């Protein structure tokens, strides 16, 4: 295997050039899906690489259940610095598993508590955000919306999309009081876009990728911004007015405080808001799925694609090489 076994651990760095350029040059939907896919593939290869190193490291430990022949010098020679790398991989993989488990637990725990807190709310005609200033508490749903709107009697301004069956939009009376009727329609369209696009899955996937490999953590901010921009564009399309949507985003960001919503999307609380407002005041971004090769975004996308392919091939090559070595060392 040689040094190639370590490549999937560092090749995620090749995905970083596309992150910033994708935010500026790709349609937000394409940017979010592309960056999440790259992060997941690179994280899987990185974790797989750690698993291969763990096999070598575990075979060196006394009392391990693996065949004794797997710790022979011929097997360890397949991995550079086998003694250090193998044992360090055991610790690293353990940390990855714990970090991913805690992230999923925190995400599911928040969703469970939020749904349980909203379970007592019932649909009440005329109490939805579109019905007035939003004072009072209750829950309402618009015909054909596909999601209920839960209005919480809270002076703190916030709004976020809560996925589930069905998904719900949670908004406080404090947020509704900051917006006029047109801006409230933009807010609801924004949150419905989060639910329809299942943005919580993209955010959770890229968060887990960052837990698997710290080099992938910058992609989380890029995906978060892209999902917010995606929802902004959908809100502008539904309302038919980009200026009203931009005004809603700016006013919500001005008055709101960040709400702890792990792995979920919160209105105007994630991503650089001035850039989102400026983008809404500009033209509609093109929907092409891949930028031209001779542009900066195209070259960055090619670099990320090449890095992802190299990481995948390196992981598969290392797995095959280790399998051949271990098979040869295993007594019949």
Protein backbone atom coordinates (compact mmCIF):
# COMPACT_ATOMS: atom_id res chain seq x y z
CA UNK A 1 0.00 0.00 0.00
CA UNK A 2 2.79 2.44 0.87
CA UNK A 3 2.02 6.10 1.38
CA UNK A 4 -1.09 5.77 -0.78
CA UNK A 5 -2.99 4.47 2.24
CA UNK A 6 -2.72 7.94 3.80
CA UNK A 7 -3.98 9.87 0.77
CA UNK A 8 -7.72 9.71 1.63
CA UNK A 9 -6.89 11.41 4.93
CA UNK A 10 -5.45 14.53 3.28
CA UNK A 11 -7.14 14.65 -0.12
CA UNK A 12 -10.24 16.38 1.34
CA UNK A 13 -8.12 19.53 1.11
CA UNK A 14 -8.73 19.43 -2.65
CA UNK A 15 -12.43 20.11 -2.06
CA UNK A 16 -11.80 23.45 -0.39
CA UNK A 17 -11.15 25.50 -3.57
CA UNK A 18 -14.65 24.79 -4.84
CA UNK A 19 -16.41 25.78 -1.63
CA UNK A 20 -16.09 29.55 -1.91
CA UNK A 21 -16.32 29.67 -5.69
CA UNK A 22 -19.41 27.46 -5.71
CA UNK A 23 -21.18 29.95 -3.45
CA UNK A 24 -20.62 32.74 -5.99
CA UNK A 25 -20.86 31.01 -9.37
CA UNK A 26 -23.26 28.06 -9.06
CA UNK A 27 -27.00 28.03 -8.51
CA UNK A 28 -27.49 27.52 -4.74
CA UNK A 29 -29.31 24.22 -5.27
CA UNK A 30 -26.48 22.82 -7.41
CA UNK A 31 -23.84 24.14 -5.01
CA UNK A 32 -25.50 22.55 -1.96
CA UNK A 33 -25.94 19.16 -3.61
CA UNK A 34 -22.45 19.14 -5.16
CA UNK A 35 -20.62 20.16 -1.99
CA UNK A 36 -22.59 17.70 0.15
CA UNK A 37 -21.88 14.84 -2.27
CA UNK A 38 -18.17 15.65 -2.35
CA UNK A 39 -18.05 15.87 1.46
CA UNK A 40 -19.83 12.54 1.94
CA UNK A 41 -17.62 10.66 -0.54
CA UNK A 42 -14.40 12.09 0.87
CA UNK A 43 -15.52 11.41 4.45
CA UNK A 44 -16.41 7.81 3.58
CA UNK A 45 -13.01 7.24 1.97
CA UNK A 46 -11.25 8.83 4.92
CA UNK A 47 -13.11 6.67 7.42
CA UNK A 48 -12.47 3.58 5.31
CA UNK A 49 -8.77 4.41 5.31
CA UNK A 50 -8.79 4.64 9.09
CA UNK A 51 -10.49 1.26 9.21
CA UNK A 52 -7.69 -0.29 7.16
CA UNK A 53 -5.09 1.19 9.47
CA UNK A 54 -7.03 -0.05 12.50
CA UNK A 55 -6.72 -3.63 11.20
CA UNK A 56 -2.94 -3.26 11.16
CA UNK A 57 -2.88 -1.52 14.53
CA UNK A 58 -5.22 -4.01 16.22
CA UNK A 59 -3.14 -6.96 15.02
CA UNK A 60 -0.18 -5.58 17.00
CA UNK A 61 -2.05 -5.53 20.32
CA UNK A 62 -1.52 -8.48 22.65
CA UNK A 63 -4.53 -10.70 23.15
CA UNK A 64 -6.32 -9.51 20.00
CA UNK A 65 -8.71 -11.99 18.33
CA UNK A 66 -7.08 -11.58 14.91
CA UNK A 67 -4.78 -14.26 13.44
CA UNK A 68 -1.22 -13.98 14.77
CA UNK A 69 0.10 -14.00 11.23
CA UNK A 70 -1.53 -10.60 10.61
CA UNK A 71 1.07 -8.99 12.85
CA UNK A 72 4.03 -10.50 10.95
CA UNK A 73 6.67 -8.05 9.70
CA UNK A 74 5.63 -8.77 6.11
CA UNK A 75 2.12 -7.47 6.83
CA UNK A 76 3.27 -4.44 8.79
CA UNK A 77 5.70 -3.55 6.03
CA UNK A 78 2.72 -2.73 3.80
CA UNK A 79 2.01 0.37 5.94
CA UNK A 80 4.66 3.07 6.51
CA UNK A 81 5.30 3.73 10.20
CA UNK A 82 2.93 0.87 10.95
CA UNK A 83 3.36 0.86 14.72
CA UNK A 84 2.55 4.54 15.16
CA UNK A 85 -0.02 4.81 12.37
CA UNK A 86 -1.89 1.65 13.33
CA UNK A 87 -2.31 2.53 16.99
CA UNK A 88 -3.09 6.19 16.25
CA UNK A 89 -5.77 5.05 13.82
CA UNK A 90 -7.51 3.10 16.60
CA UNK A 91 -7.83 6.27 18.66
CA UNK A 92 -8.80 8.39 15.66
CA UNK A 93 -11.50 6.01 14.49
CA UNK A 94 -12.88 5.81 18.01
CA UNK A 95 -13.11 9.61 18.15
CA UNK A 96 -14.84 9.68 14.76
CA UNK A 97 -17.46 7.17 15.89
CA UNK A 98 -18.11 9.04 19.14
CA UNK A 99 -18.33 12.43 17.40
CA UNK A 100 -20.75 11.14 14.77
CA UNK A 101 -22.89 9.39 17.37
CA UNK A 102 -23.11 12.53 19.51
CA UNK A 103 -24.00 14.64 16.46
CA UNK A 104 -26.82 12.31 15.41
CA UNK A 105 -28.04 12.04 19.00
CA UNK A 106 -28.12 15.83 19.42
CA UNK A 107 -29.95 16.24 16.10
CA UNK A 108 -32.60 13.60 16.86
CA UNK A 109 -32.96 14.78 20.45
CA UNK A 110 -33.73 18.34 19.36
CA UNK A 111 -36.26 17.14 16.78
CA UNK A 112 -37.96 14.87 19.31
CA UNK A 113 -38.20 17.59 21.94
CA UNK A 114 -39.43 20.14 19.43
CA UNK A 115 -42.16 17.85 18.10
CA UNK A 116 -43.18 16.90 21.63
CA UNK A 117 -43.41 20.57 22.62
CA UNK A 118 -45.58 21.27 19.57
CA UNK A 119 -47.78 18.20 20.02
CA UNK A 120 -50.27 20.14 22.15
CA UNK A 121 -50.87 22.78 19.49
CA UNK A 122 -53.93 22.33 17.32
CA UNK A 123 -54.84 23.89 13.99
CA UNK A 124 -56.81 27.07 14.60
CA UNK A 125 -58.32 28.90 11.65
CA UNK A 126 -57.14 32.48 11.47
CA UNK A 127 -54.22 32.04 13.86
CA UNK A 128 -51.59 31.42 11.17
CA UNK A 129 -48.96 33.98 10.28
CA UNK A 130 -50.81 35.09 7.17
CA UNK A 131 -53.89 36.01 9.11
CA UNK A 132 -52.63 39.14 10.83
CA UNK A 133 -49.85 40.53 12.92
CA UNK A 134 -49.16 37.15 14.49
CA UNK A 135 -49.98 38.01 18.09
CA UNK A 136 -51.15 35.16 20.22
CA UNK A 137 -50.18 31.54 20.13
CA UNK A 138 -51.45 28.64 18.18
CA UNK A 139 -50.93 26.78 14.99
CA UNK A 140 -52.27 27.27 11.51
CA UNK A 141 -51.86 25.77 8.07
CA UNK A 142 -52.43 27.18 4.62
CA UNK A 143 -54.28 25.14 2.01
CA UNK A 144 -51.86 23.23 -0.13
CA UNK A 145 -48.86 24.23 1.96
CA UNK A 146 -47.98 20.65 2.87
CA UNK A 147 -46.73 21.76 6.28
CA UNK A 148 -48.30 23.19 9.42
CA UNK A 149 -47.26 26.55 10.82
CA UNK A 150 -46.77 26.62 14.58
CA UNK A 151 -46.86 30.13 16.03
CA UNK A 152 -45.29 30.32 19.47
CA UNK A 153 -46.09 33.12 21.89
CA UNK A 154 -42.51 34.30 22.36
CA UNK A 155 -41.10 37.82 22.16
CA UNK A 156 -37.76 36.53 20.88
CA UNK A 157 -37.75 36.69 17.06
CA UNK A 158 -36.95 33.36 15.40
CA UNK A 159 -38.23 31.00 12.73
CA UNK A 160 -37.05 27.60 11.55
CA UNK A 161 -38.19 24.55 9.62
CA UNK A 162 -38.74 21.41 11.71
CA UNK A 163 -38.66 18.25 9.57
CA UNK A 164 -40.87 15.29 10.34
CA UNK A 165 -44.13 13.66 9.30
CA UNK A 166 -45.48 16.16 8.63
CA UNK A 167 -42.84 18.86 8.66
CA UNK A 168 -43.68 22.01 10.57
CA UNK A 169 -42.67 25.63 10.41
CA UNK A 170 -41.98 27.12 13.83
CA UNK A 171 -42.17 30.90 14.09
CA UNK A 172 -42.42 33.18 17.09
CA UNK A 173 -44.80 36.09 17.53
CA UNK A 174 -41.74 38.25 18.01
CA UNK A 175 -40.58 37.43 14.48
CA UNK A 176 -44.03 38.00 12.99
CA UNK A 177 -44.35 41.39 14.63
CA UNK A 178 -41.16 42.51 12.85
CA UNK A 179 -42.52 41.75 9.37
CA UNK A 180 -45.44 42.99 7.32
CA UNK A 181 -47.86 40.67 5.51
CA UNK A 182 -45.80 40.39 2.31
CA UNK A 183 -42.62 39.72 4.26
CA UNK A 184 -44.36 37.05 6.32
CA UNK A 185 -45.36 35.30 3.09
CA UNK A 186 -41.70 35.38 2.04
CA UNK A 187 -40.68 33.92 5.40
CA UNK A 188 -43.14 31.04 5.08
CA UNK A 189 -42.08 30.35 1.50
CA UNK A 190 -38.46 30.30 2.64
CA UNK A 191 -39.14 27.77 5.39
CA UNK A 192 -41.32 25.60 3.14
CA UNK A 193 -38.43 25.50 0.68
CA UNK A 194 -36.22 24.11 3.46
CA UNK A 195 -38.75 21.35 4.12
CA UNK A 196 -39.42 20.58 0.47
CA UNK A 197 -35.71 20.41 -0.34
CA UNK A 198 -34.97 18.34 2.79
CA UNK A 199 -32.13 20.67 3.61
CA UNK A 200 -31.80 19.18 7.08
CA UNK A 201 -30.42 16.00 5.48
CA UNK A 202 -27.77 17.94 3.58
CA UNK A 203 -26.77 19.86 6.70
CA UNK A 204 -26.60 16.72 8.83
CA UNK A 205 -24.60 14.84 6.16
CA UNK A 206 -21.98 17.57 5.82
CA UNK A 207 -21.83 17.93 9.61
CA UNK A 208 -21.10 14.20 9.95
CA UNK A 209 -18.49 14.51 7.19
CA UNK A 210 -16.77 17.20 9.24
CA UNK A 211 -16.77 14.85 12.24
CA UNK A 212 -15.13 12.14 10.12
CA UNK A 213 -12.41 14.44 8.78
CA UNK A 214 -11.65 17.94 10.17
CA UNK A 215 -10.43 19.06 6.72
CA UNK A 216 -14.06 18.89 5.57
CA UNK A 217 -15.43 21.25 8.20
CA UNK A 218 -15.15 24.37 5.99
CA UNK A 219 -17.63 22.73 3.61
CA UNK A 220 -20.29 22.88 6.33
CA UNK A 221 -20.38 26.69 6.22
CA UNK A 222 -20.53 26.60 2.43
CA UNK A 223 -23.44 24.12 2.40
CA UNK A 224 -25.28 26.08 5.11
CA UNK A 225 -25.00 29.26 3.06
CA UNK A 226 -26.04 27.46 -0.13
CA UNK A 227 -29.17 25.98 1.46
CA UNK A 228 -30.15 29.41 2.78
CA UNK A 229 -29.64 30.93 -0.66
CA UNK A 230 -31.60 28.04 -2.20
CA UNK A 231 -34.53 28.78 0.10
CA UNK A 232 -34.19 32.52 -0.61
CA UNK A 233 -34.49 31.91 -4.35
CA UNK A 234 -37.53 29.67 -3.87
CA UNK A 235 -39.16 32.30 -1.66
CA UNK A 236 -38.49 34.97 -4.31
CA UNK A 237 -39.99 32.72 -6.97
CA UNK A 238 -43.13 31.98 -4.94
CA UNK A 239 -43.73 35.57 -3.87
CA UNK A 240 -42.75 36.95 -7.27
CA UNK A 241 -40.78 39.79 -5.69
CA UNK A 242 -37.07 39.52 -4.96
CA UNK A 243 -36.98 42.87 -3.16
CA UNK A 244 -39.62 41.86 -0.64
CA UNK A 245 -37.76 38.62 0.03
CA UNK A 246 -34.49 40.52 0.46
CA UNK A 247 -36.19 42.94 2.83
CA UNK A 248 -37.63 40.06 4.86
CA UNK A 249 -34.22 38.41 5.17
CA UNK A 250 -32.56 41.67 6.19
CA UNK A 251 -35.20 42.66 8.75
CA UNK A 252 -35.34 39.17 10.27
CA UNK A 253 -31.55 39.13 10.63
CA UNK A 254 -31.60 42.59 12.18
CA UNK A 255 -34.07 41.64 14.90
CA UNK A 256 -33.50 37.94 15.41
CA UNK A 257 -31.23 36.07 17.76
CA UNK A 258 -29.64 32.79 16.76
CA UNK A 259 -31.68 29.80 17.91
CA UNK A 260 -29.89 26.52 18.67
CA UNK A 261 -31.26 24.26 15.94
CA UNK A 262 -28.63 21.54 15.39
CA UNK A 263 -28.67 20.25 11.83
CA UNK A 264 -31.71 22.37 10.92
CA UNK A 265 -32.18 25.58 8.95
CA UNK A 266 -33.15 28.78 10.77
CA UNK A 267 -34.44 31.86 8.97
CA UNK A 268 -31.81 34.60 8.64
CA UNK A 269 -29.59 33.07 11.31
CA UNK A 270 -27.15 31.16 9.11
CA UNK A 271 -24.84 32.40 6.40
CA UNK A 272 -23.60 35.94 5.68
CA UNK A 273 -26.87 37.86 5.50
CA UNK A 274 -25.50 40.88 3.55
CA UNK A 275 -24.36 38.54 0.77
CA UNK A 276 -27.78 36.88 0.70
CA UNK A 277 -29.54 40.23 0.47
CA UNK A 278 -27.17 41.41 -2.27
CA UNK A 279 -27.78 38.20 -4.21
CA UNK A 280 -31.55 38.66 -3.97
CA UNK A 281 -31.25 42.22 -5.26
CA UNK A 282 -29.28 40.92 -8.25
CA UNK A 283 -30.41 38.77 -11.18
CA UNK A 284 -31.68 35.22 -10.86
CA UNK A 285 -28.66 32.84 -10.82
CA UNK A 286 -28.32 30.46 -13.78
CA UNK A 287 -29.49 26.90 -13.22
CA UNK A 288 -26.76 25.13 -15.18
CA UNK A 289 -25.57 22.04 -13.31
CA UNK A 290 -21.86 22.40 -14.13
CA UNK A 291 -19.91 25.62 -14.76
CA UNK A 292 -17.89 26.10 -17.97
CA UNK A 293 -14.48 24.43 -17.69
CA UNK A 294 -12.50 27.60 -18.43
CA UNK A 295 -14.05 29.64 -15.63
CA UNK A 296 -12.72 29.83 -12.07
CA UNK A 297 -15.69 27.87 -10.75
CA UNK A 298 -15.22 25.27 -13.49
CA UNK A 299 -11.54 24.79 -12.68
CA UNK A 300 -12.32 24.56 -8.94
CA UNK A 301 -15.01 21.98 -9.66
CA UNK A 302 -12.56 19.94 -11.71
CA UNK A 303 -10.00 20.08 -8.88
CA UNK A 304 -12.61 18.90 -6.38
CA UNK A 305 -13.79 16.14 -8.71
CA UNK A 306 -10.23 14.99 -9.33
CA UNK A 307 -9.50 14.98 -5.61
CA UNK A 308 -12.65 13.02 -4.88
CA UNK A 309 -11.85 10.47 -7.59
CA UNK A 310 -8.24 10.13 -6.42
CA UNK A 311 -9.36 9.65 -2.81
CA UNK A 312 -11.86 6.97 -3.82
CA UNK A 313 -9.39 5.10 -6.02
CA UNK A 314 -6.69 5.34 -3.35
CA UNK A 315 -9.02 3.90 -0.71
CA UNK A 316 -10.07 1.04 -3.00
CA UNK A 317 -6.46 0.36 -4.00
CA UNK A 318 -5.36 0.26 -0.36
CA UNK A 319 -8.22 -2.06 0.57
CA UNK A 320 -7.39 -4.45 -2.25
CA UNK A 321 -3.67 -4.40 -1.42
CA UNK A 322 -4.31 -5.05 2.28
CA UNK A 323 -6.75 -7.86 1.43
CA UNK A 324 -4.12 -9.55 -0.75
CA UNK A 325 -1.45 -9.16 1.95
CA UNK A 326 -3.69 -10.51 4.71
CA UNK A 327 -4.89 -13.40 2.57
CA UNK A 328 -1.31 -14.35 1.80
CA UNK A 329 -0.42 -14.19 5.51
CA UNK A 330 -3.43 -16.20 6.67
CA UNK A 331 -2.60 -19.86 7.17
CA UNK A 332 -4.77 -22.34 5.34
